[in-house]
């Protein structure tokens, strides 16, 4: 976020906390408390953070407590901070354009390539599934490939298929959105991690399709 080690001095945590957006700091503290109390396996959250030059960016924080003092108090944590500003901007652009996916294919493809985010949509009426070029690229299949829903689910690792199938079923029945990170095996037998998210799209009060994003997050995982 633009500071030197000398500027951080002896309390980098204070600088980090002062740089976080106040609303996101509340979430960060809540998630940390739940992790330290054993209610979360890891400490994780996404939040806005102010750069030294004044602009706001997005940061993903993940960490884990690994030692406690003899009396049981939290002692040492380790973790990572990742700059996800570009991915957040591209994701926002994709969501804003969800109502006109076909009309803005060029822009969406460009945004997808920048952030490694592909799109997909599933028509509820006839059960057809459409993948963007970036989504095809993530799966190691040719551009324009149009898989069945069963084929799409089969790409997920065996241990993840029940979870993604349940997410699809719930979305079709109730419109419930999802945002999952799951292992996947591509057509070239590469084992990767992907983020798959979706929400329902409505017309005249009736669900007509599911639209979502697909992102290769292997490096972050």
C-alpha atoms as a PDB file:
ATOM      1  CA  UNK A   1       0.000   0.000   0.000  1.00  0.00           C
ATOM      2  CA  UNK A   2       2.879   2.328  -0.773  1.00  0.00           C
ATOM      3  CA  UNK A   3       4.805   2.548   2.505  1.00  0.00           C
ATOM      4  CA  UNK A   4       8.451   1.706   3.155  1.00  0.00           C
ATOM      5  CA  UNK A   5       9.581  -0.514   6.017  1.00  0.00           C
ATOM      6  CA  UNK A   6      11.003   2.561   7.740  1.00  0.00           C
ATOM      7  CA  UNK A   7       7.578   4.228   7.612  1.00  0.00           C
ATOM      8  CA  UNK A   8       5.922   1.121   9.055  1.00  0.00           C
ATOM      9  CA  UNK A   9       8.354   1.263  11.993  1.00  0.00           C
ATOM     10  CA  UNK A  10       7.565  -1.146  14.825  1.00  0.00           C
ATOM     11  CA  UNK A  11       3.785  -1.497  14.417  1.00  0.00           C
ATOM     12  CA  UNK A  12       2.769  -2.593  10.904  1.00  0.00           C
ATOM     13  CA  UNK A  13      -0.540  -3.900  12.252  1.00  0.00           C
ATOM     14  CA  UNK A  14      -1.548  -0.396  13.381  1.00  0.00           C
ATOM     15  CA  UNK A  15      -0.792   1.048   9.938  1.00  0.00           C
ATOM     16  CA  UNK A  16      -2.753  -1.766   8.289  1.00  0.00           C
ATOM     17  CA  UNK A  17      -5.753  -1.231  10.585  1.00  0.00           C
ATOM     18  CA  UNK A  18      -5.680   2.530  10.061  1.00  0.00           C
ATOM     19  CA  UNK A  19      -5.594   2.026   6.297  1.00  0.00           C
ATOM     20  CA  UNK A  20      -8.604  -0.327   6.131  1.00  0.00           C
ATOM     21  CA  UNK A  21     -12.043   1.049   5.348  1.00  0.00           C
ATOM     22  CA  UNK A  22     -13.904   1.422   8.689  1.00  0.00           C
ATOM     23  CA  UNK A  23     -16.798  -0.781   7.542  1.00  0.00           C
ATOM     24  CA  UNK A  24     -14.415  -3.542   6.462  1.00  0.00           C
ATOM     25  CA  UNK A  25     -12.412  -3.275   9.681  1.00  0.00           C
ATOM     26  CA  UNK A  26     -15.546  -4.336  11.573  1.00  0.00           C
ATOM     27  CA  UNK A  27     -15.776  -7.485   9.444  1.00  0.00           C
ATOM     28  CA  UNK A  28     -12.034  -8.124   9.790  1.00  0.00           C
ATOM     29  CA  UNK A  29     -12.226  -7.938  13.583  1.00  0.00           C
ATOM     30  CA  UNK A  30     -15.275 -10.197  13.688  1.00  0.00           C
ATOM     31  CA  UNK A  31     -13.662 -12.842  11.480  1.00  0.00           C
ATOM     32  CA  UNK A  32     -10.442 -12.673  13.511  1.00  0.00           C
ATOM     33  CA  UNK A  33     -12.325 -13.100  16.773  1.00  0.00           C
ATOM     34  CA  UNK A  34     -14.187 -16.134  15.413  1.00  0.00           C
ATOM     35  CA  UNK A  35     -10.899 -17.677  14.247  1.00  0.00           C
ATOM     36  CA  UNK A  36      -9.167 -17.127  17.579  1.00  0.00           C
ATOM     37  CA  UNK A  37     -12.166 -18.659  19.361  1.00  0.00           C
ATOM     38  CA  UNK A  38     -11.974 -21.747  17.137  1.00  0.00           C
ATOM     39  CA  UNK A  39     -15.165 -21.069  15.178  1.00  0.00           C
ATOM     40  CA  UNK A  40     -13.261 -20.584  11.899  1.00  0.00           C
ATOM     41  CA  UNK A  41     -10.428 -22.782  10.604  1.00  0.00           C
ATOM     42  CA  UNK A  42      -8.711 -19.776   9.024  1.00  0.00           C
ATOM     43  CA  UNK A  43      -8.814 -15.995   9.231  1.00  0.00           C
ATOM     44  CA  UNK A  44     -10.015 -14.624   5.911  1.00  0.00           C
ATOM     45  CA  UNK A  45     -11.731 -11.553   4.523  1.00  0.00           C
ATOM     46  CA  UNK A  46     -11.781  -9.158   1.564  1.00  0.00           C
ATOM     47  CA  UNK A  47     -11.662  -5.444   2.267  1.00  0.00           C
ATOM     48  CA  UNK A  48     -10.968  -1.982   0.915  1.00  0.00           C
ATOM     49  CA  UNK A  49      -7.637  -0.444   1.883  1.00  0.00           C
ATOM     50  CA  UNK A  50      -6.299   3.069   1.324  1.00  0.00           C
ATOM     51  CA  UNK A  51      -2.981   3.432  -0.475  1.00  0.00           C
ATOM     52  CA  UNK A  52      -0.450   5.994   0.762  1.00  0.00           C
ATOM     53  CA  UNK A  53      -1.251   8.199  -2.256  1.00  0.00           C
ATOM     54  CA  UNK A  54      -4.925   8.286  -1.268  1.00  0.00           C
ATOM     55  CA  UNK A  55      -6.650   5.889  -3.667  1.00  0.00           C
ATOM     56  CA  UNK A  56      -8.625   2.876  -2.482  1.00  0.00           C
ATOM     57  CA  UNK A  57      -7.819  -0.697  -3.489  1.00  0.00           C
ATOM     58  CA  UNK A  58      -9.045  -4.153  -2.542  1.00  0.00           C
ATOM     59  CA  UNK A  59      -7.071  -6.661  -0.486  1.00  0.00           C
ATOM     60  CA  UNK A  60      -7.613 -10.327   0.309  1.00  0.00           C
ATOM     61  CA  UNK A  61      -6.249 -11.363   3.700  1.00  0.00           C
ATOM     62  CA  UNK A  62      -5.781 -14.971   4.810  1.00  0.00           C
ATOM     63  CA  UNK A  63      -4.100 -16.173   7.995  1.00  0.00           C
ATOM     64  CA  UNK A  64      -3.973 -18.824  10.677  1.00  0.00           C
ATOM     65  CA  UNK A  65      -3.115 -18.881  14.366  1.00  0.00           C
ATOM     66  CA  UNK A  66      -0.251 -21.309  14.986  1.00  0.00           C
ATOM     67  CA  UNK A  67       0.895 -20.764  18.572  1.00  0.00           C
ATOM     68  CA  UNK A  68      -0.693 -19.940  21.893  1.00  0.00           C
ATOM     69  CA  UNK A  69       0.915 -18.871  25.148  1.00  0.00           C
ATOM     70  CA  UNK A  70       1.083 -21.340  28.084  1.00  0.00           C
ATOM     71  CA  UNK A  71      -2.148 -19.885  29.468  1.00  0.00           C
ATOM     72  CA  UNK A  72      -3.947 -20.437  26.145  1.00  0.00           C
ATOM     73  CA  UNK A  73      -3.947 -16.897  24.779  1.00  0.00           C
ATOM     74  CA  UNK A  74      -3.345 -16.335  21.040  1.00  0.00           C
ATOM     75  CA  UNK A  75       0.317 -15.636  20.414  1.00  0.00           C
ATOM     76  CA  UNK A  76       1.533 -15.853  16.783  1.00  0.00           C
ATOM     77  CA  UNK A  77      -0.273 -15.850  13.423  1.00  0.00           C
ATOM     78  CA  UNK A  78       1.025 -16.080   9.888  1.00  0.00           C
ATOM     79  CA  UNK A  79      -0.708 -15.110   6.692  1.00  0.00           C
ATOM     80  CA  UNK A  80      -0.759 -13.313   3.366  1.00  0.00           C
ATOM     81  CA  UNK A  81      -2.217 -10.125   1.909  1.00  0.00           C
ATOM     82  CA  UNK A  82      -3.043 -10.106  -1.804  1.00  0.00           C
ATOM     83  CA  UNK A  83      -3.919  -7.116  -3.977  1.00  0.00           C
ATOM     84  CA  UNK A  84      -7.185  -8.119  -5.707  1.00  0.00           C
ATOM     85  CA  UNK A  85      -8.142  -4.643  -6.964  1.00  0.00           C
ATOM     86  CA  UNK A  86      -7.966  -5.579 -10.638  1.00  0.00           C
ATOM     87  CA  UNK A  87     -10.038  -8.708 -10.152  1.00  0.00           C
ATOM     88  CA  UNK A  88     -12.663  -6.764  -8.168  1.00  0.00           C
ATOM     89  CA  UNK A  89     -12.941  -4.129 -10.878  1.00  0.00           C
ATOM     90  CA  UNK A  90     -13.387  -6.744 -13.577  1.00  0.00           C
ATOM     91  CA  UNK A  91     -15.898  -8.652 -11.470  1.00  0.00           C
ATOM     92  CA  UNK A  92     -17.929  -5.472 -10.913  1.00  0.00           C
ATOM     93  CA  UNK A  93     -17.909  -4.790 -14.645  1.00  0.00           C
ATOM     94  CA  UNK A  94     -19.168  -8.305 -15.338  1.00  0.00           C
ATOM     95  CA  UNK A  95     -21.997  -7.979 -12.819  1.00  0.00           C
ATOM     96  CA  UNK A  96     -23.068  -4.577 -14.129  1.00  0.00           C
ATOM     97  CA  UNK A  97     -23.230  -6.008 -17.631  1.00  0.00           C
ATOM     98  CA  UNK A  98     -25.113  -9.182 -16.712  1.00  0.00           C
ATOM     99  CA  UNK A  99     -28.339  -7.910 -18.307  1.00  0.00           C
ATOM    100  CA  UNK A 100     -26.637  -7.392 -21.671  1.00  0.00           C
ATOM    101  CA  UNK A 101     -24.049 -10.144 -21.848  1.00  0.00           C
ATOM    102  CA  UNK A 102     -24.505 -10.798 -25.544  1.00  0.00           C
ATOM    103  CA  UNK A 103     -24.386  -7.111 -26.504  1.00  0.00           C
ATOM    104  CA  UNK A 104     -21.151  -6.432 -24.629  1.00  0.00           C
ATOM    105  CA  UNK A 105     -19.183  -9.562 -25.475  1.00  0.00           C
ATOM    106  CA  UNK A 106     -16.091  -7.639 -26.578  1.00  0.00           C
ATOM    107  CA  UNK A 107     -15.846  -5.645 -23.345  1.00  0.00           C
ATOM    108  CA  UNK A 108     -16.555  -8.680 -21.166  1.00  0.00           C
ATOM    109  CA  UNK A 109     -13.938 -10.764 -22.944  1.00  0.00           C
ATOM    110  CA  UNK A 110     -11.365  -8.026 -22.417  1.00  0.00           C
ATOM    111  CA  UNK A 111     -12.232  -7.634 -18.735  1.00  0.00           C
ATOM    112  CA  UNK A 112     -12.174 -11.396 -18.333  1.00  0.00           C
ATOM    113  CA  UNK A 113      -8.722 -11.739 -19.818  1.00  0.00           C
ATOM    114  CA  UNK A 114      -7.337  -9.005 -17.570  1.00  0.00           C
ATOM    115  CA  UNK A 115      -8.524 -10.648 -14.359  1.00  0.00           C
ATOM    116  CA  UNK A 116      -8.614 -14.262 -15.556  1.00  0.00           C
ATOM    117  CA  UNK A 117     -12.393 -14.275 -15.120  1.00  0.00           C
ATOM    118  CA  UNK A 118     -14.708 -16.070 -17.509  1.00  0.00           C
ATOM    119  CA  UNK A 119     -18.488 -15.917 -17.655  1.00  0.00           C
ATOM    120  CA  UNK A 120     -21.169 -18.514 -18.136  1.00  0.00           C
ATOM    121  CA  UNK A 121     -24.936 -18.662 -18.310  1.00  0.00           C
ATOM    122  CA  UNK A 122     -27.448 -21.488 -18.003  1.00  0.00           C
ATOM    123  CA  UNK A 123     -30.868 -21.217 -19.623  1.00  0.00           C
ATOM    124  CA  UNK A 124     -33.469 -22.729 -17.318  1.00  0.00           C
ATOM    125  CA  UNK A 125     -36.071 -23.257 -20.038  1.00  0.00           C
ATOM    126  CA  UNK A 126     -34.065 -25.568 -22.279  1.00  0.00           C
ATOM    127  CA  UNK A 127     -31.087 -26.479 -20.079  1.00  0.00           C
ATOM    128  CA  UNK A 128     -28.443 -25.060 -22.415  1.00  0.00           C
ATOM    129  CA  UNK A 129     -25.137 -23.887 -20.989  1.00  0.00           C
ATOM    130  CA  UNK A 130     -22.932 -21.213 -22.574  1.00  0.00           C
ATOM    131  CA  UNK A 131     -19.257 -20.620 -21.728  1.00  0.00           C
ATOM    132  CA  UNK A 132     -17.227 -17.537 -22.658  1.00  0.00           C
ATOM    133  CA  UNK A 133     -13.854 -17.959 -24.349  1.00  0.00           C
ATOM    134  CA  UNK A 134     -12.081 -17.365 -21.028  1.00  0.00           C
ATOM    135  CA  UNK A 135     -14.135 -20.076 -19.316  1.00  0.00           C
ATOM    136  CA  UNK A 136     -13.255 -22.468 -22.148  1.00  0.00           C
ATOM    137  CA  UNK A 137      -9.593 -21.504 -21.701  1.00  0.00           C
ATOM    138  CA  UNK A 138      -9.746 -22.287 -17.980  1.00  0.00           C
ATOM    139  CA  UNK A 139     -11.166 -25.744 -18.771  1.00  0.00           C
ATOM    140  CA  UNK A 140      -8.566 -26.410 -21.527  1.00  0.00           C
ATOM    141  CA  UNK A 141     -11.237 -26.825 -24.210  1.00  0.00           C
ATOM    142  CA  UNK A 142     -11.612 -25.077 -27.566  1.00  0.00           C
ATOM    143  CA  UNK A 143     -13.341 -21.713 -27.816  1.00  0.00           C
ATOM    144  CA  UNK A 144     -17.054 -22.028 -28.425  1.00  0.00           C
ATOM    145  CA  UNK A 145     -17.394 -25.348 -26.651  1.00  0.00           C
ATOM    146  CA  UNK A 146     -20.919 -25.679 -25.281  1.00  0.00           C
ATOM    147  CA  UNK A 147     -21.000 -28.384 -22.582  1.00  0.00           C
ATOM    148  CA  UNK A 148     -24.005 -29.984 -21.012  1.00  0.00           C
ATOM    149  CA  UNK A 149     -24.640 -29.273 -17.347  1.00  0.00           C
ATOM    150  CA  UNK A 150     -23.573 -32.836 -16.517  1.00  0.00           C
ATOM    151  CA  UNK A 151     -20.281 -32.396 -18.381  1.00  0.00           C
ATOM    152  CA  UNK A 152     -19.655 -29.084 -16.626  1.00  0.00           C
ATOM    153  CA  UNK A 153     -20.130 -30.646 -13.202  1.00  0.00           C
ATOM    154  CA  UNK A 154     -17.978 -33.629 -14.173  1.00  0.00           C
ATOM    155  CA  UNK A 155     -14.961 -31.312 -14.588  1.00  0.00           C
ATOM    156  CA  UNK A 156     -14.998 -30.643 -10.852  1.00  0.00           C
ATOM    157  CA  UNK A 157     -12.893 -32.965  -8.730  1.00  0.00           C
ATOM    158  CA  UNK A 158     -14.890 -35.933  -7.382  1.00  0.00           C
ATOM    159  CA  UNK A 159     -14.871 -34.575  -3.843  1.00  0.00           C
ATOM    160  CA  UNK A 160     -16.388 -31.273  -5.021  1.00  0.00           C
ATOM    161  CA  UNK A 161     -19.174 -32.486  -7.325  1.00  0.00           C
ATOM    162  CA  UNK A 162     -21.835 -32.906  -4.657  1.00  0.00           C
ATOM    163  CA  UNK A 163     -21.295 -29.344  -3.438  1.00  0.00           C
ATOM    164  CA  UNK A 164     -21.534 -27.748  -6.886  1.00  0.00           C
ATOM    165  CA  UNK A 165     -24.522 -29.927  -7.826  1.00  0.00           C
ATOM    166  CA  UNK A 166     -26.331 -28.810  -4.668  1.00  0.00           C
ATOM    167  CA  UNK A 167     -25.557 -25.171  -5.482  1.00  0.00           C
ATOM    168  CA  UNK A 168     -27.014 -25.600  -8.989  1.00  0.00           C
ATOM    169  CA  UNK A 169     -30.113 -27.374  -7.685  1.00  0.00           C
ATOM    170  CA  UNK A 170     -30.810 -24.725  -5.053  1.00  0.00           C
ATOM    171  CA  UNK A 171     -30.340 -21.906  -7.557  1.00  0.00           C
ATOM    172  CA  UNK A 172     -32.744 -23.502 -10.019  1.00  0.00           C
ATOM    173  CA  UNK A 173     -35.392 -24.095  -7.347  1.00  0.00           C
ATOM    174  CA  UNK A 174     -35.119 -20.921  -5.251  1.00  0.00           C
ATOM    175  CA  UNK A 175     -32.759 -18.521  -7.023  1.00  0.00           C
ATOM    176  CA  UNK A 176     -30.218 -18.807  -4.208  1.00  0.00           C
ATOM    177  CA  UNK A 177     -26.839 -17.385  -5.338  1.00  0.00           C
ATOM    178  CA  UNK A 178     -23.515 -19.049  -4.615  1.00  0.00           C
ATOM    179  CA  UNK A 179     -19.824 -18.204  -4.534  1.00  0.00           C
ATOM    180  CA  UNK A 180     -17.589 -21.265  -4.120  1.00  0.00           C
ATOM    181  CA  UNK A 181     -13.898 -22.138  -4.394  1.00  0.00           C
ATOM    182  CA  UNK A 182     -13.489 -25.738  -5.529  1.00  0.00           C
ATOM    183  CA  UNK A 183     -10.901 -28.098  -7.081  1.00  0.00           C
ATOM    184  CA  UNK A 184     -11.323 -28.911 -10.773  1.00  0.00           C
ATOM    185  CA  UNK A 185      -9.644 -31.216 -13.294  1.00  0.00           C
ATOM    186  CA  UNK A 186      -9.373 -29.709 -16.784  1.00  0.00           C
ATOM    187  CA  UNK A 187      -9.719 -31.488 -20.115  1.00  0.00           C
ATOM    188  CA  UNK A 188      -5.905 -31.708 -20.168  1.00  0.00           C
ATOM    189  CA  UNK A 189      -5.937 -33.420 -16.755  1.00  0.00           C
ATOM    190  CA  UNK A 190      -4.550 -30.368 -14.955  1.00  0.00           C
ATOM    191  CA  UNK A 191      -5.762 -30.146 -11.373  1.00  0.00           C
ATOM    192  CA  UNK A 192      -6.543 -26.519 -10.530  1.00  0.00           C
ATOM    193  CA  UNK A 193      -8.622 -24.469  -8.112  1.00  0.00           C
ATOM    194  CA  UNK A 194     -11.467 -22.327  -9.416  1.00  0.00           C
ATOM    195  CA  UNK A 195     -13.882 -19.771  -8.086  1.00  0.00           C
ATOM    196  CA  UNK A 196     -17.387 -20.359  -9.418  1.00  0.00           C
ATOM    197  CA  UNK A 197     -20.129 -17.870  -8.578  1.00  0.00           C
ATOM    198  CA  UNK A 198     -23.665 -17.383  -9.837  1.00  0.00           C
ATOM    199  CA  UNK A 199     -26.940 -15.611  -9.352  1.00  0.00           C
ATOM    200  CA  UNK A 200     -30.365 -15.911 -10.945  1.00  0.00           C
ATOM    201  CA  UNK A 201     -31.631 -13.543 -13.625  1.00  0.00           C
ATOM    202  CA  UNK A 202     -35.335 -12.725 -13.755  1.00  0.00           C
ATOM    203  CA  UNK A 203     -37.783 -11.564 -16.417  1.00  0.00           C
ATOM    204  CA  UNK A 204     -41.258 -10.394 -15.439  1.00  0.00           C
ATOM    205  CA  UNK A 205     -40.710 -11.863 -11.990  1.00  0.00           C
ATOM    206  CA  UNK A 206     -39.773 -15.308 -13.318  1.00  0.00           C
ATOM    207  CA  UNK A 207     -36.323 -16.905 -13.165  1.00  0.00           C
ATOM    208  CA  UNK A 208     -35.096 -17.407 -16.708  1.00  0.00           C
ATOM    209  CA  UNK A 209     -31.378 -18.157 -16.362  1.00  0.00           C
ATOM    210  CA  UNK A 210     -28.393 -18.452 -14.069  1.00  0.00           C
ATOM    211  CA  UNK A 211     -25.440 -16.169 -14.842  1.00  0.00           C
ATOM    212  CA  UNK A 212     -22.054 -16.313 -13.242  1.00  0.00           C
ATOM    213  CA  UNK A 213     -18.296 -16.070 -13.307  1.00  0.00           C
ATOM    214  CA  UNK A 214     -15.484 -18.596 -13.453  1.00  0.00           C
ATOM    215  CA  UNK A 215     -11.921 -17.801 -12.302  1.00  0.00           C
ATOM    216  CA  UNK A 216      -8.712 -19.793 -12.013  1.00  0.00           C
ATOM    217  CA  UNK A 217      -7.451 -19.115  -8.456  1.00  0.00           C
ATOM    218  CA  UNK A 218      -4.800 -21.840  -8.348  1.00  0.00           C
ATOM    219  CA  UNK A 219      -1.928 -19.432  -7.699  1.00  0.00           C
ATOM    220  CA  UNK A 220      -3.733 -17.782  -4.789  1.00  0.00           C
ATOM    221  CA  UNK A 221      -4.721 -21.137  -3.266  1.00  0.00           C
END
